[in-house]
Amino acid sequence: MAIYQGVRARPQTLPRRRPTARARAGRSSNRVGLSMAAIITAFLLGLFYLTQTMHVAATSYDVESLLVERERLIQELQTLEGDIARLGAEPAVVRGAQGIGLSRLGGSVRLPAR
């Protein structure tokens, strides 16, 4: 048997795996994920800012409406105090008593001091 010098036994190797489409395209696998994460983060930050802004606006509106209500109550209180002062005076009491059928007492009664 003749042995050829150039022929040697090859060691068995595993077949090569085909490269993936991303590897063939030369793209890294994290770009899309990072882009999506950045977009979602920006959206959530914008949403948080919007909710905080709306909360501040609603609180300002509530404060303004409460201040208007306070002013209205102060004016009503002043009106009622004026009515009480007017109706509590002697002429108003006498007119009210005469309106329900009461008459005035005679002259003032004086008792001598002992």
Protein backbone atom coordinates (compact mmCIF):
# COMPACT_ATOMS: atom_id res chain seq x y z
CA MET A 1 0.00 0.00 0.00
CA ALA A 2 1.23 3.30 -0.85
CA ILE A 3 0.98 6.18 1.51
CA TYR A 4 0.77 9.60 0.14
CA GLN A 5 2.76 12.15 1.97
CA GLY A 6 0.20 14.97 1.61
CA VAL A 7 -2.74 13.11 3.07
CA ARG A 8 -3.20 13.26 6.78
CA ALA A 9 -6.10 12.31 8.95
CA ARG A 10 -8.15 15.35 9.95
CA PRO A 11 -9.41 15.68 13.47
CA GLN A 12 -13.17 15.87 13.63
CA THR A 13 -14.47 19.40 14.23
CA LEU A 14 -17.99 20.62 14.86
CA PRO A 15 -19.71 22.27 11.95
CA ARG A 16 -19.69 26.04 12.01
CA ARG A 17 -22.89 27.82 13.00
CA ARG A 18 -24.32 30.22 10.52
CA PRO A 19 -24.00 33.82 11.64
CA THR A 20 -27.26 35.49 12.65
CA ALA A 21 -28.93 38.15 10.56
CA ARG A 22 -27.83 40.86 13.03
CA ALA A 23 -24.23 39.72 12.83
CA ARG A 24 -24.36 39.63 9.03
CA ALA A 25 -25.89 43.13 8.97
CA GLY A 26 -23.21 44.43 11.34
CA ARG A 27 -25.69 45.78 13.90
CA SER A 28 -25.55 45.42 17.61
CA SER A 29 -28.55 43.90 19.29
CA ASN A 30 -28.95 46.64 21.95
CA ARG A 31 -29.69 49.67 19.75
CA VAL A 32 -33.39 49.03 19.33
CA GLY A 33 -33.86 48.16 22.98
CA LEU A 34 -31.96 51.22 24.14
CA SER A 35 -33.94 53.44 21.78
CA MET A 36 -37.23 52.05 23.05
CA ALA A 37 -36.13 52.45 26.67
CA ALA A 38 -35.13 56.08 26.02
CA ILE A 39 -38.47 56.84 24.31
CA ILE A 40 -40.47 55.22 27.10
CA THR A 41 -38.45 57.03 29.77
CA ALA A 42 -38.96 60.39 28.01
CA PHE A 43 -42.68 59.69 27.69
CA LEU A 44 -43.02 58.80 31.37
CA LEU A 45 -41.09 61.90 32.44
CA GLY A 46 -43.32 64.06 30.25
CA LEU A 47 -46.43 62.42 31.68
CA PHE A 48 -45.18 62.98 35.23
CA TYR A 49 -44.44 66.64 34.45
CA LEU A 50 -47.91 67.07 32.95
CA THR A 51 -49.65 65.57 35.98
CA GLN A 52 -47.66 67.77 38.36
CA THR A 53 -48.46 70.86 36.30
CA MET A 54 -52.16 70.01 36.25
CA HIS A 55 -52.11 69.41 40.00
CA VAL A 56 -50.54 72.83 40.63
CA ALA A 57 -53.07 74.51 38.31
CA ALA A 58 -56.00 72.80 40.06
CA THR A 59 -54.65 73.79 43.47
CA SER A 60 -54.25 77.40 42.34
CA TYR A 61 -57.83 77.40 41.06
CA ASP A 62 -59.08 76.02 44.39
CA VAL A 63 -57.14 78.66 46.34
CA GLU A 64 -58.56 81.45 44.17
CA SER A 65 -62.13 80.19 44.58
CA LEU A 66 -61.67 79.93 48.36
CA LEU A 67 -60.35 83.50 48.52
CA VAL A 68 -63.40 84.74 46.58
CA GLU A 69 -65.68 82.80 48.93
CA ARG A 70 -63.89 84.32 51.94
CA GLU A 71 -64.40 87.85 50.61
CA ARG A 72 -68.09 87.15 50.01
CA LEU A 73 -68.50 85.84 53.57
CA ILE A 74 -66.72 88.88 55.02
CA GLN A 75 -69.07 91.21 53.12
CA GLU A 76 -72.11 89.22 54.30
CA LEU A 77 -70.86 89.39 57.90
CA GLN A 78 -70.44 93.15 57.66
CA THR A 79 -73.97 93.49 56.25
CA LEU A 80 -75.42 91.41 59.08
CA GLU A 81 -73.51 93.39 61.72
CA GLY A 82 -74.94 96.59 60.23
CA ASP A 83 -78.47 95.12 60.32
CA ILE A 84 -78.03 94.09 63.96
CA ALA A 85 -76.79 97.54 64.92
CA ARG A 86 -79.69 99.19 63.08
CA LEU A 87 -82.39 96.84 64.42
CA GLY A 88 -81.03 96.90 67.96
CA ALA A 89 -81.40 100.67 68.29
CA GLU A 90 -84.25 102.06 70.45
CA PRO A 91 -86.41 103.53 67.66
CA ALA A 92 -86.43 100.23 65.77
CA VAL A 93 -87.38 98.30 68.91
CA VAL A 94 -90.20 100.75 69.70
CA ARG A 95 -91.55 100.52 66.13
CA GLY A 96 -91.40 96.72 66.25
CA ALA A 97 -93.24 96.65 69.60
CA GLN A 98 -95.94 99.02 68.35
CA GLY A 99 -96.28 96.86 65.24
CA ILE A 100 -97.32 93.84 67.35
CA GLY A 101 -99.70 95.85 69.57
CA LEU A 102 -97.58 96.88 72.53
CA SER A 103 -97.62 100.45 73.79
CA ARG A 104 -94.96 102.59 75.35
CA LEU A 105 -94.71 102.96 79.04
CA GLY A 106 -95.52 106.32 80.57
CA GLY A 107 -92.84 108.64 81.73
CA SER A 108 -89.75 107.29 83.35
CA VAL A 109 -90.09 106.07 86.90
CA ARG A 110 -87.66 107.45 89.45
CA LEU A 111 -87.18 106.02 92.83
CA PRO A 112 -85.64 108.15 95.55
CA ALA A 113 -82.40 106.92 96.93
CA ARG A 114 -82.33 105.96 100.61
